[in-house]
Amino acid sequence: MQRKSKKIAAAVLASIAIGAIGYFVSRESALLSETERDAALSAEAVSRVRSFLDYTVSSIDPETSLFPRDRAGAIWAPRDNAADDYPYAVIAAKLFGKEDDLHALERVLESERSVTIRENGLVDDYDFDKGRFFLPRDPERLLLNNAEYAKDGLLPIVDALGKDSPWTERLISIIDSIWDAKQLWSSETLPSSRLETNGDLLQVLSRLYWLTGDEEYLEKARGIADHYLLTEPLVASGTPLQLRDHANEVIVGLSELYFAFDHADKNKTVLYRKPLRDLYEAVLEEGRTDEGLVLSSAGGDALTDNWGYIMNAIRTVADIEDDEGYRAETVRTAEAVASLGERVWEERYPFDGYADTIESAIMTLSYYPAPPLFSWVAENMERLWKLEDSLVSKGPNYLYGNVARTNMLYALMKSKGFTLEPWPENGGLAAKSGEDGIELFIYLPPGSEWKGILKASPARHSTIWSMPSNYPRINALLEWFVPNADVEYALSSGPASERSKVTGARLLEGVALELSESGVIEIAPARLGQNR
């Protein structure tokens, strides 16, 4: 059953020309504007996301509509390829207008929820070649599989595609199934004995509250938070705080719940304030080096590539309480990271370590200023691309999705969230903010033309999640430039060109463009455009 999809995937790998955008930047850099260089880098990142999408779709088994977590077998693993690969394949297919790919990936969802459910509506590792579950029943693994799939697999899709999709329905059904299966829980009040599982659920429940307005999700999250803040506080556990991936999820999730309670139940905010601050004080004092770098484990030596997850959680509390001290500490950590040279963030999978630490940096840059990180990100993207090339040549595993995620975030950072539909083959898009508005540069390969839609990104925190503000959080497409729907903007293709006027709402819906070569598009509030 698996052989045919293996052969197709191998053929796709053989045809992938990573780095094929090459070398639009090989001209003397002095001849290129910053926006042109960024467009070239955007094109490179997008080409790599396309390659990931092609590989993932070509790996789908034609009989079961599932795809494997690696090339060694036919295992669908909810916490691995379902959580790391699947969401970014879906988002890429949507961004690039690949309708056939999107339909194929919807069939994956249909198969996952009809074939891989083990009990009580919960999915488990499934060998689709042999038509059976891969491992013996294990309640802890079952809960972790579903919590990871919900947080890392489904949350990003809902954030990118919106609430009206089958993925939203699936997200809600998995969380409901976990609470309907309390016979699997480790205790009456705590789903799992694992920090990772419970932290995943804290993050998902907090966002489902915003998505649905249903306070039942806050009540479910409250039970977990009470345990880690009031009953058995993490800081009093007698073990070092764990700040690495697969252990820091509670520390991150508590800030999300604190943000939700700050708007929904101030009494809970008051109750949680001291124990939460005690926890974050311990992170700042025991969980960092003297320079401000975040450790994998308090008191240890290794650094965590999830430093942005941790510091952005602290930043959320800083913004809620207007705490300049906490704000300064988040900037100090960002600047310390920016001073680092080349390093191995993760021994076993170096490409994954780079993907996560760059994600941390891009997230940080989207939420608060840390200018030194921009050049650090650029330098480390080059290192990531070299590691990605090696990964592809050997045959990707499920962590390929983390690289694709970071490539996607990087491209959208360069374009400030603007997208092109359809995205031109080997094309790039970059944006630069100025006093008078935004300058966009659309790169087309020599001799090519493009006709399509230029679209700005919405304020997803409000339009999708109904959040009152855009607090720092993972598994979200970041907000860079969001037009005001009610403001009129002037569009032009250069100083001497005729200006057209569109509303911000129209920019969000998409503006039709037709280009015969690479070019500049300027967007400014109409009043500014008239006065220039």
Protein backbone atom coordinates (compact mmCIF):
# COMPACT_ATOMS: atom_id res chain seq x y z
CA MET A 1 0.00 0.00 0.00
CA GLN A 2 2.82 2.36 0.89
CA ARG A 3 5.13 1.53 -2.04
CA LYS A 4 3.48 3.72 -4.65
CA SER A 5 3.50 6.89 -2.51
CA LYS A 6 7.14 6.20 -1.57
CA LYS A 7 8.13 6.11 -5.23
CA ILE A 8 6.25 9.33 -6.00
CA ALA A 9 7.81 11.12 -3.02
CA ALA A 10 11.27 9.97 -4.06
CA ALA A 11 10.70 11.35 -7.54
CA VAL A 12 9.63 14.68 -6.10
CA LEU A 13 12.71 14.81 -3.88
CA ALA A 14 14.91 14.12 -6.88
CA SER A 15 13.36 17.05 -8.73
CA ILE A 16 13.55 19.58 -5.88
CA ALA A 17 16.04 22.31 -6.72
CA ILE A 18 16.51 23.93 -3.35
CA GLY A 19 18.23 27.26 -3.81
CA ALA A 20 17.04 27.55 -7.39
CA ILE A 21 16.05 31.18 -6.96
CA GLY A 22 19.77 31.50 -6.66
CA TYR A 23 21.10 34.18 -7.48
CA PHE A 24 18.99 37.14 -7.93
CA VAL A 25 21.20 38.54 -5.16
CA SER A 26 24.42 37.70 -6.98
CA ARG A 27 24.43 41.15 -8.57
CA GLU A 28 26.49 43.67 -6.64
CA SER A 29 24.47 44.34 -3.50
CA ALA A 30 25.03 48.04 -3.89
CA LEU A 31 22.89 47.90 -7.04
CA LEU A 32 19.97 46.41 -5.15
CA SER A 33 17.66 48.19 -2.76
CA GLU A 34 16.95 46.62 0.62
CA THR A 35 13.45 45.75 -0.59
CA GLU A 36 14.80 44.01 -3.70
CA ARG A 37 17.17 41.92 -1.61
CA ASP A 38 14.34 41.03 0.74
CA ALA A 39 12.18 40.00 -2.22
CA ALA A 40 14.91 37.61 -3.33
CA LEU A 41 15.09 36.11 0.15
CA SER A 42 11.30 35.86 0.22
CA ALA A 43 11.39 34.01 -3.10
CA GLU A 44 13.94 31.57 -1.72
CA ALA A 45 11.88 30.87 1.38
CA VAL A 46 8.68 30.44 -0.62
CA SER A 47 10.36 28.05 -3.06
CA ARG A 48 11.34 25.89 -0.12
CA VAL A 49 7.81 25.89 1.29
CA ARG A 50 6.56 24.86 -2.16
CA SER A 51 9.04 21.97 -2.19
CA PHE A 52 7.83 20.88 1.24
CA LEU A 53 4.21 21.02 0.05
CA ASP A 54 5.01 19.02 -3.08
CA TYR A 55 6.84 16.40 -1.04
CA THR A 56 4.07 16.09 1.54
CA VAL A 57 1.26 15.77 -0.99
CA SER A 58 3.25 13.28 -3.06
CA SER A 59 3.72 11.19 0.11
CA ILE A 60 -0.02 10.75 0.64
CA ASP A 61 -0.97 7.10 0.34
CA PRO A 62 -3.58 6.78 -2.44
CA GLU A 63 -5.55 4.08 -0.61
CA THR A 64 -5.79 5.52 2.90
CA SER A 65 -5.16 9.26 2.26
CA LEU A 66 -2.63 9.29 5.11
CA PHE A 67 1.07 10.08 4.81
CA PRO A 68 4.03 8.76 6.85
CA ARG A 69 6.05 10.56 9.49
CA ASP A 70 9.28 9.50 7.74
CA ARG A 71 10.54 7.33 4.90
CA ALA A 72 11.15 4.31 7.13
CA GLY A 73 7.56 3.16 7.41
CA ALA A 74 3.88 3.88 6.99
CA ILE A 75 3.13 5.40 10.38
CA TRP A 76 0.67 8.25 10.84
CA ALA A 77 1.63 9.81 14.19
CA PRO A 78 -0.65 12.51 15.65
CA ARG A 79 2.09 14.18 17.70
CA ASP A 80 4.66 14.00 14.88
CA ASN A 81 3.68 14.40 11.23
CA ALA A 82 0.07 15.31 12.03
CA ALA A 83 1.27 18.06 14.37
CA ASP A 84 4.37 19.27 12.51
CA ASP A 85 3.90 18.58 8.78
CA TYR A 86 0.18 18.55 8.17
CA PRO A 87 -0.71 22.11 9.29
CA TYR A 88 1.94 23.83 7.19
CA ALA A 89 1.08 21.78 4.13
CA VAL A 90 -2.55 22.91 4.51
CA ILE A 91 -1.58 26.55 5.06
CA ALA A 92 0.86 26.48 2.12
CA ALA A 93 -1.76 25.00 -0.18
CA LYS A 94 -4.15 27.78 0.82
CA LEU A 95 -1.56 30.57 0.51
CA PHE A 96 -0.36 29.40 -2.89
CA GLY A 97 -3.84 28.73 -4.28
CA LYS A 98 -3.14 25.00 -4.78
CA GLU A 99 -6.75 23.84 -4.73
CA ASP A 100 -6.00 20.24 -5.75
CA ASP A 101 -3.44 19.97 -2.96
CA LEU A 102 -5.87 21.49 -0.48
CA HIS A 103 -8.54 18.95 -1.43
CA ALA A 104 -6.02 16.12 -1.02
CA LEU A 105 -5.14 17.44 2.43
CA GLU A 106 -8.81 17.69 3.38
CA ARG A 107 -9.07 13.99 2.55
CA VAL A 108 -6.24 13.40 5.02
CA LEU A 109 -8.42 15.00 7.70
CA GLU A 110 -11.37 12.81 6.74
CA SER A 111 -9.20 9.69 6.89
CA GLU A 112 -7.58 10.67 10.19
CA ARG A 113 -10.93 10.99 11.94
CA SER A 114 -12.40 7.83 10.42
CA VAL A 115 -9.42 5.43 10.50
CA THR A 116 -7.05 6.45 13.32
CA ILE A 117 -9.47 6.84 16.25
CA ARG A 118 -8.51 4.37 18.95
CA GLU A 119 -11.12 5.03 21.62
CA ASN A 120 -13.41 7.77 22.91
CA GLY A 121 -12.86 9.82 19.75
CA LEU A 122 -9.10 10.05 20.37
CA VAL A 123 -6.53 9.32 17.65
CA ASP A 124 -3.38 7.24 18.02
CA ASP A 125 -0.31 6.17 16.04
CA TYR A 126 -1.53 4.11 13.09
CA ASP A 127 0.31 1.80 10.69
CA PHE A 128 -1.66 2.34 7.50
CA ASP A 129 0.32 -0.26 5.58
CA LYS A 130 -0.74 -3.01 7.99
CA GLY A 131 -4.10 -1.46 8.84
CA ARG A 132 -3.62 -1.49 12.61
CA PHE A 133 -2.47 0.66 15.49
CA PHE A 134 1.29 0.85 15.70
CA LEU A 135 1.78 0.50 19.47
CA PRO A 136 -0.09 -1.10 22.38
CA ARG A 137 -2.68 1.03 24.14
CA ASP A 138 -1.18 3.65 26.48
CA PRO A 139 -3.49 6.30 28.00
CA GLU A 140 -0.65 8.81 28.58
CA ARG A 141 0.53 8.54 24.98
CA LEU A 142 -3.04 8.76 23.73
CA LEU A 143 -3.64 12.02 25.60
CA LEU A 144 -0.31 13.47 24.47
CA ASN A 145 -1.00 12.55 20.85
CA ASN A 146 -4.28 14.41 20.87
CA ALA A 147 -3.07 17.41 22.85
CA GLU A 148 -0.08 17.87 20.50
CA TYR A 149 -2.22 17.42 17.40
CA ALA A 150 -4.68 20.01 18.71
CA LYS A 151 -2.06 22.59 19.71
CA ASP A 152 0.57 22.27 16.99
CA GLY A 153 -1.50 20.70 14.22
CA LEU A 154 -4.94 22.29 14.28
CA LEU A 155 -4.47 25.67 16.01
CA PRO A 156 -2.21 27.00 13.21
CA ILE A 157 -4.72 25.98 10.54
CA VAL A 158 -7.60 27.70 12.32
CA ASP A 159 -5.46 30.82 12.71
CA ALA A 160 -4.58 30.87 9.00
CA LEU A 161 -7.85 29.74 7.41
CA GLY A 162 -10.41 31.11 9.86
CA LYS A 163 -13.01 29.63 12.13
CA ASP A 164 -15.39 28.36 9.42
CA SER A 165 -13.57 25.23 8.34
CA PRO A 166 -13.58 21.49 9.08
CA TRP A 167 -10.33 21.95 10.99
CA THR A 168 -12.06 24.13 13.58
CA GLU A 169 -14.71 21.47 14.06
CA ARG A 170 -11.98 18.86 14.44
CA LEU A 171 -10.11 20.96 17.01
CA ILE A 172 -13.20 21.34 19.17
CA SER A 173 -14.12 17.66 18.87
CA ILE A 174 -10.68 16.51 20.05
CA ILE A 175 -10.77 18.74 23.13
CA ASP A 176 -14.31 17.62 23.93
CA SER A 177 -13.20 13.99 23.54
CA ILE A 178 -10.35 14.44 26.03
CA TRP A 179 -12.80 15.74 28.64
CA ASP A 180 -15.26 12.95 27.83
CA ALA A 181 -12.53 10.36 28.45
CA LYS A 182 -11.74 11.13 32.09
CA GLN A 183 -11.20 7.43 32.73
CA LEU A 184 -7.88 7.93 30.92
CA TRP A 185 -6.76 10.84 33.11
CA SER A 186 -3.94 10.61 35.62
CA SER A 187 -6.13 12.15 38.34
CA GLU A 188 -9.59 13.59 38.84
CA THR A 189 -8.43 17.14 38.10
CA LEU A 190 -5.38 16.72 35.86
CA PRO A 191 -5.54 15.04 32.44
CA SER A 192 -1.94 13.84 32.40
CA SER A 193 1.16 13.47 34.53
CA ARG A 194 3.13 15.11 31.69
CA LEU A 195 3.84 18.82 31.65
CA GLU A 196 3.74 18.80 27.86
CA THR A 197 0.23 17.38 27.60
CA ASN A 198 -1.25 19.67 30.24
CA GLY A 199 0.55 22.73 28.87
CA ASP A 200 -0.67 21.99 25.36
CA LEU A 201 -4.21 21.86 26.69
CA LEU A 202 -3.83 25.14 28.58
CA GLN A 203 -2.89 26.89 25.34
CA VAL A 204 -5.67 25.31 23.28
CA LEU A 205 -8.38 25.88 25.89
CA SER A 206 -7.46 29.54 26.28
CA ARG A 207 -7.79 30.11 22.55
CA LEU A 208 -10.99 28.12 22.24
CA TYR A 209 -12.48 30.47 24.81
CA TRP A 210 -11.69 33.42 22.53
CA LEU A 211 -12.84 31.56 19.43
CA THR A 212 -16.21 30.47 20.83
CA GLY A 213 -16.89 32.78 23.78
CA ASP A 214 -17.72 29.65 25.79
CA GLU A 215 -16.49 30.04 29.38
CA GLU A 216 -16.58 26.27 29.80
CA TYR A 217 -13.14 26.21 28.18
CA LEU A 218 -11.81 28.58 30.82
CA GLU A 219 -13.26 26.37 33.52
CA LYS A 220 -11.47 23.35 32.05
CA ALA A 221 -8.22 25.29 31.89
CA ARG A 222 -8.70 26.55 35.45
CA GLY A 223 -8.36 23.03 36.83
CA ILE A 224 -4.93 22.66 35.21
CA ALA A 225 -3.77 26.14 36.24
CA ASP A 226 -4.92 25.68 39.83
CA HIS A 227 -2.73 22.59 40.08
CA TYR A 228 0.45 24.26 38.80
CA LEU A 229 -0.04 27.61 40.53
CA LEU A 230 -1.93 26.83 43.74
CA THR A 231 -1.94 23.12 44.63
CA GLU A 232 1.55 22.03 43.59
CA PRO A 233 3.34 25.15 42.31
CA LEU A 234 6.08 24.47 39.78
CA VAL A 235 8.50 26.64 41.74
CA ALA A 236 7.99 24.45 44.83
CA SER A 237 8.32 21.11 43.06
CA GLY A 238 11.92 20.59 44.16
CA THR A 239 13.07 19.94 40.59
CA PRO A 240 14.70 22.44 38.20
CA LEU A 241 12.33 24.36 35.95
CA GLN A 242 12.22 22.81 32.48
CA LEU A 243 12.34 25.47 29.75
CA ARG A 244 12.98 23.28 26.72
CA ASP A 245 10.51 22.01 24.16
CA HIS A 246 8.31 19.13 25.40
CA ALA A 247 8.44 20.52 28.94
CA ASN A 248 7.89 24.31 28.86
CA GLU A 249 4.30 24.18 27.65
CA VAL A 250 2.74 24.84 31.08
CA ILE A 251 4.95 27.90 31.64
CA VAL A 252 3.82 29.24 28.26
CA GLY A 253 0.18 28.21 28.63
CA LEU A 254 -0.28 29.89 32.00
CA SER A 255 0.33 33.30 30.44
CA GLU A 256 -2.34 32.65 27.82
CA LEU A 257 -4.85 31.74 30.49
CA TYR A 258 -3.83 34.75 32.59
CA PHE A 259 -4.55 36.97 29.58
CA ALA A 260 -7.97 35.36 29.14
CA PHE A 261 -8.88 35.72 32.82
CA ASP A 262 -7.72 39.34 32.80
CA HIS A 263 -10.67 40.01 30.51
CA ALA A 264 -13.13 37.34 31.63
CA ASP A 265 -12.65 36.98 35.40
CA LYS A 266 -10.52 39.54 37.24
CA ASN A 267 -10.90 37.56 40.47
CA LYS A 268 -8.85 34.77 38.92
CA THR A 269 -6.21 37.24 37.78
CA VAL A 270 -5.87 38.46 41.36
CA LEU A 271 -5.67 34.89 42.67
CA TYR A 272 -3.06 33.83 40.12
CA ARG A 273 -0.96 36.99 40.10
CA LYS A 274 1.53 36.21 42.87
CA PRO A 275 2.16 32.52 42.08
CA LEU A 276 2.50 33.31 38.38
CA ARG A 277 4.95 36.11 39.04
CA ASP A 278 6.87 33.85 41.44
CA LEU A 279 7.17 31.36 38.59
CA TYR A 280 8.35 33.94 36.08
CA GLU A 281 10.77 35.49 38.57
CA ALA A 282 12.30 32.03 38.97
CA VAL A 283 12.58 31.72 35.20
CA LEU A 284 14.33 35.08 34.94
CA GLU A 285 16.67 34.46 37.87
CA GLU A 286 17.41 30.73 37.64
CA GLY A 287 16.57 29.90 34.05
CA ARG A 288 18.94 32.26 32.24
CA THR A 289 22.63 32.91 31.91
CA ASP A 290 24.16 36.12 33.22
CA GLU A 291 23.81 37.54 29.70
CA GLY A 292 20.07 36.78 29.64
CA LEU A 293 20.07 33.66 27.43
CA VAL A 294 17.37 31.12 28.33
CA LEU A 295 18.54 27.69 29.49
CA SER A 296 16.92 24.36 28.65
CA SER A 297 16.79 23.57 32.36
CA ALA A 298 17.26 25.95 35.27
CA GLY A 299 20.78 25.56 36.59
CA GLY A 300 21.98 23.70 33.51
CA ASP A 301 24.36 24.67 30.71
CA ALA A 302 22.45 24.05 27.46
CA LEU A 303 20.41 26.81 25.84
CA THR A 304 16.85 26.30 24.67
CA ASP A 305 15.79 27.07 21.11
CA ASN A 306 12.35 27.86 22.56
CA TRP A 307 13.62 31.02 24.26
CA GLY A 308 11.06 33.13 22.43
CA TYR A 309 8.15 31.03 23.70
CA ILE A 310 9.28 31.60 27.29
CA MET A 311 10.11 35.29 27.03
CA ASN A 312 6.97 36.10 25.05
CA ALA A 313 4.90 34.50 27.81
CA ILE A 314 6.60 36.85 30.27
CA ARG A 315 6.01 39.72 27.83
CA THR A 316 2.28 38.98 27.92
CA VAL A 317 2.23 39.47 31.69
CA ALA A 318 4.40 42.58 31.32
CA ASP A 319 1.85 44.12 28.96
CA ILE A 320 -1.13 43.16 31.13
CA GLU A 321 0.45 44.75 34.19
CA ASP A 322 2.42 47.49 32.42
CA ASP A 323 5.59 46.12 33.98
CA GLU A 324 8.61 47.89 32.47
CA GLY A 325 10.98 45.60 34.35
CA TYR A 326 9.62 42.49 32.64
CA ARG A 327 9.61 44.30 29.29
CA ALA A 328 13.26 45.19 29.72
CA GLU A 329 14.12 41.57 30.50
CA THR A 330 12.47 40.32 27.31
CA VAL A 331 14.49 42.82 25.27
CA ARG A 332 17.67 41.86 27.13
CA THR A 333 17.20 38.22 26.16
CA ALA A 334 16.51 39.14 22.52
CA GLU A 335 19.66 41.26 22.36
CA ALA A 336 21.70 38.48 23.98
CA VAL A 337 20.52 36.03 21.33
CA ALA A 338 21.35 38.55 18.60
CA SER A 339 24.96 38.59 19.83
CA LEU A 340 25.38 34.84 19.32
CA GLY A 341 27.30 33.44 16.38
CA GLU A 342 26.92 30.03 14.80
CA ARG A 343 26.00 27.32 17.29
CA VAL A 344 24.32 23.93 17.50
CA TRP A 345 20.95 24.44 19.17
CA GLU A 346 20.00 20.78 19.00
CA GLU A 347 22.48 17.92 18.71
CA ARG A 348 20.31 15.22 17.18
CA TYR A 349 18.49 17.37 14.63
CA PRO A 350 20.45 20.61 14.11
CA PHE A 351 18.04 21.82 11.41
CA ASP A 352 15.14 21.60 13.87
CA GLY A 353 17.05 23.58 16.48
CA TYR A 354 17.69 26.36 13.96
CA ALA A 355 14.06 26.28 12.78
CA ASP A 356 12.79 26.75 16.33
CA THR A 357 15.26 29.42 17.45
CA ILE A 358 14.60 31.46 14.29
CA GLU A 359 10.87 31.06 14.89
CA SER A 360 11.47 32.43 18.40
CA ALA A 361 13.23 35.45 16.91
CA ILE A 362 10.62 36.15 14.22
CA MET A 363 7.83 35.92 16.80
CA THR A 364 9.70 38.33 19.04
CA LEU A 365 10.23 40.84 16.23
CA SER A 366 6.54 40.84 15.37
CA TYR A 367 5.45 41.69 18.90
CA TYR A 368 8.05 44.16 20.17
CA PRO A 369 11.15 45.94 18.85
CA ALA A 370 14.52 44.18 19.05
CA PRO A 371 16.32 45.54 15.95
CA PRO A 372 19.57 43.51 16.32
CA LEU A 373 17.55 40.35 15.74
CA PHE A 374 16.80 41.24 12.10
CA SER A 375 20.36 40.68 10.90
CA TRP A 376 20.72 37.68 13.21
CA VAL A 377 17.66 36.08 11.60
CA ALA A 378 19.08 36.66 8.11
CA GLU A 379 22.41 35.06 9.01
CA ASN A 380 20.76 32.07 10.62
CA MET A 381 18.31 31.52 7.78
CA GLU A 382 21.33 30.89 5.55
CA ARG A 383 22.55 28.30 8.04
CA LEU A 384 19.10 26.72 8.20
CA TRP A 385 18.92 26.49 4.40
CA LYS A 386 22.21 24.59 4.25
CA LEU A 387 20.94 22.16 6.87
CA GLU A 388 17.63 21.86 5.02
CA ASP A 389 19.46 20.96 1.81
CA SER A 390 21.19 18.13 3.66
CA LEU A 391 17.89 16.98 5.18
CA VAL A 392 16.22 16.84 1.79
CA SER A 393 19.11 14.97 0.19
CA LYS A 394 18.91 12.27 2.88
CA GLY A 395 15.13 12.02 2.92
CA PRO A 396 13.01 14.19 5.24
CA ASN A 397 11.37 13.11 8.45
CA TYR A 398 8.39 14.73 10.16
CA LEU A 399 10.51 17.63 11.43
CA TYR A 400 10.66 18.92 7.84
CA GLY A 401 7.41 20.67 8.71
CA ASN A 402 9.13 22.81 11.35
CA VAL A 403 11.58 24.03 8.71
CA ALA A 404 8.68 24.81 6.35
CA ARG A 405 6.92 26.72 9.13
CA THR A 406 9.97 28.90 9.71
CA ASN A 407 10.44 29.47 5.98
CA MET A 408 6.80 30.57 5.80
CA LEU A 409 7.13 32.93 8.77
CA TYR A 410 10.31 34.37 7.26
CA ALA A 411 8.70 35.02 3.88
CA LEU A 412 5.69 36.68 5.54
CA MET A 413 7.99 38.79 7.71
CA LYS A 414 9.71 40.02 4.55
CA SER A 415 6.37 40.81 2.89
CA LYS A 416 4.84 42.23 6.10
CA GLY A 417 2.01 39.75 5.70
CA PHE A 418 1.13 40.65 2.10
CA THR A 419 0.54 37.67 -0.19
CA LEU A 420 0.12 37.11 -3.92
CA GLU A 421 -2.62 34.87 -5.33
CA PRO A 422 -1.52 32.85 -7.13
CA TRP A 423 2.03 33.16 -5.89
CA PRO A 424 4.23 33.50 -9.00
CA GLU A 425 6.54 30.57 -9.68
CA ASN A 426 9.98 31.45 -8.25
CA GLY A 427 8.66 34.91 -7.41
CA GLY A 428 9.14 36.94 -4.27
CA LEU A 429 7.48 39.77 -2.38
CA ALA A 430 8.97 42.19 0.12
CA ALA A 431 7.68 45.25 1.94
CA LYS A 432 9.36 48.17 3.63
CA SER A 433 7.64 50.62 5.95
CA GLY A 434 8.30 54.32 5.67
CA GLU A 435 6.88 57.57 6.97
CA ASP A 436 4.50 57.74 4.02
CA GLY A 437 3.32 54.13 3.98
CA ILE A 438 4.49 50.81 2.55
CA GLU A 439 6.74 50.11 -0.43
CA LEU A 440 6.28 46.65 -1.95
CA PHE A 441 8.67 45.04 -4.39
CA ILE A 442 7.34 42.12 -6.42
CA TYR A 443 10.11 40.01 -7.94
CA LEU A 444 9.38 38.02 -11.10
CA PRO A 445 12.02 35.84 -12.78
CA PRO A 446 13.34 37.42 -16.02
CA GLY A 447 10.99 36.95 -18.95
CA SER A 448 7.95 36.04 -16.85
CA GLU A 449 4.62 37.81 -16.37
CA TRP A 450 2.11 37.65 -13.57
CA LYS A 451 -1.58 38.40 -13.18
CA GLY A 452 -3.34 37.96 -9.88
CA ILE A 453 -4.32 39.42 -6.52
CA LEU A 454 -2.25 41.34 -3.97
CA LYS A 455 -3.75 40.83 -0.53
CA ALA A 456 -2.97 42.30 2.89
CA SER A 457 -3.26 40.15 6.00
CA PRO A 458 -6.08 40.70 8.50
CA ALA A 459 -5.84 41.33 12.22
CA ARG A 460 -6.38 37.66 12.97
CA HIS A 461 -6.39 38.20 16.72
CA SER A 462 -9.66 40.12 16.37
CA THR A 463 -11.25 38.91 13.12
CA ILE A 464 -10.78 35.19 13.83
CA TRP A 465 -10.22 34.90 17.57
CA SER A 466 -12.19 37.93 18.87
CA MET A 467 -9.29 38.84 21.15
CA PRO A 468 -9.15 42.40 22.49
CA SER A 469 -5.43 42.72 21.70
CA ASN A 470 -2.69 40.85 19.87
CA TYR A 471 -0.81 39.19 22.71
CA PRO A 472 2.34 37.11 21.99
CA ARG A 473 1.53 33.46 21.21
CA ILE A 474 2.91 30.56 19.19
CA ASN A 475 1.17 28.72 16.35
CA ALA A 476 -0.13 31.91 14.79
CA LEU A 477 0.54 33.71 11.53
CA LEU A 478 2.03 36.96 12.73
CA GLU A 479 0.61 40.44 12.17
CA TRP A 480 3.02 42.88 10.52
CA PHE A 481 1.05 45.44 8.51
CA VAL A 482 -2.72 45.40 8.91
CA PRO A 483 -4.65 48.06 6.97
CA ASN A 484 -7.52 49.88 8.60
CA ALA A 485 -10.62 48.64 6.79
CA ASP A 486 -12.23 52.10 6.89
CA VAL A 487 -9.22 54.10 5.67
CA GLU A 488 -8.69 55.00 2.01
CA TYR A 489 -5.26 54.15 0.58
CA ALA A 490 -3.48 55.38 -2.53
CA LEU A 491 -1.73 52.79 -4.72
CA SER A 492 0.92 53.62 -7.29
CA SER A 493 3.71 51.86 -9.16
CA GLY A 494 6.18 54.74 -8.87
CA PRO A 495 6.50 58.51 -8.34
CA ALA A 496 5.23 59.42 -11.80
CA SER A 497 2.46 56.86 -12.06
CA GLU A 498 -1.22 57.54 -11.67
CA ARG A 499 -2.54 56.77 -8.21
CA SER A 500 -5.61 54.66 -7.63
CA LYS A 501 -7.57 54.69 -4.39
CA VAL A 502 -8.81 51.66 -2.51
CA THR A 503 -10.14 51.12 0.98
CA GLY A 504 -8.35 49.06 3.57
CA ALA A 505 -11.21 46.59 3.29
CA ARG A 506 -10.40 46.18 -0.39
CA LEU A 507 -6.72 45.57 0.40
CA LEU A 508 -7.81 42.81 2.75
CA GLU A 509 -10.05 41.28 0.08
CA GLY A 510 -7.37 41.65 -2.59
CA VAL A 511 -6.43 44.11 -5.34
CA ALA A 512 -6.06 42.89 -8.93
CA LEU A 513 -2.64 43.47 -10.50
CA GLU A 514 -0.98 42.61 -13.79
CA LEU A 515 2.81 42.78 -14.16
CA SER A 516 5.09 42.13 -17.13
CA GLU A 517 8.24 42.38 -15.00
CA SER A 518 9.42 42.95 -11.43
CA GLY A 519 8.19 46.20 -9.99
CA VAL A 520 7.39 48.46 -7.06
CA ILE A 521 3.94 49.11 -5.61
CA GLU A 522 3.54 51.94 -3.11
CA ILE A 523 0.66 51.99 -0.64
CA ALA A 524 -0.07 55.00 1.54
CA PRO A 525 -3.07 56.52 3.27
CA ALA A 526 -4.74 58.54 0.51
CA ARG A 527 -4.21 61.87 2.28
CA LEU A 528 -0.46 61.23 2.46
CA GLY A 529 -0.39 60.05 -1.12
CA GLN A 530 -1.95 63.30 -2.32
CA ASN A 531 0.49 65.49 -0.37
CA ARG A 532 3.71 63.84 -1.46
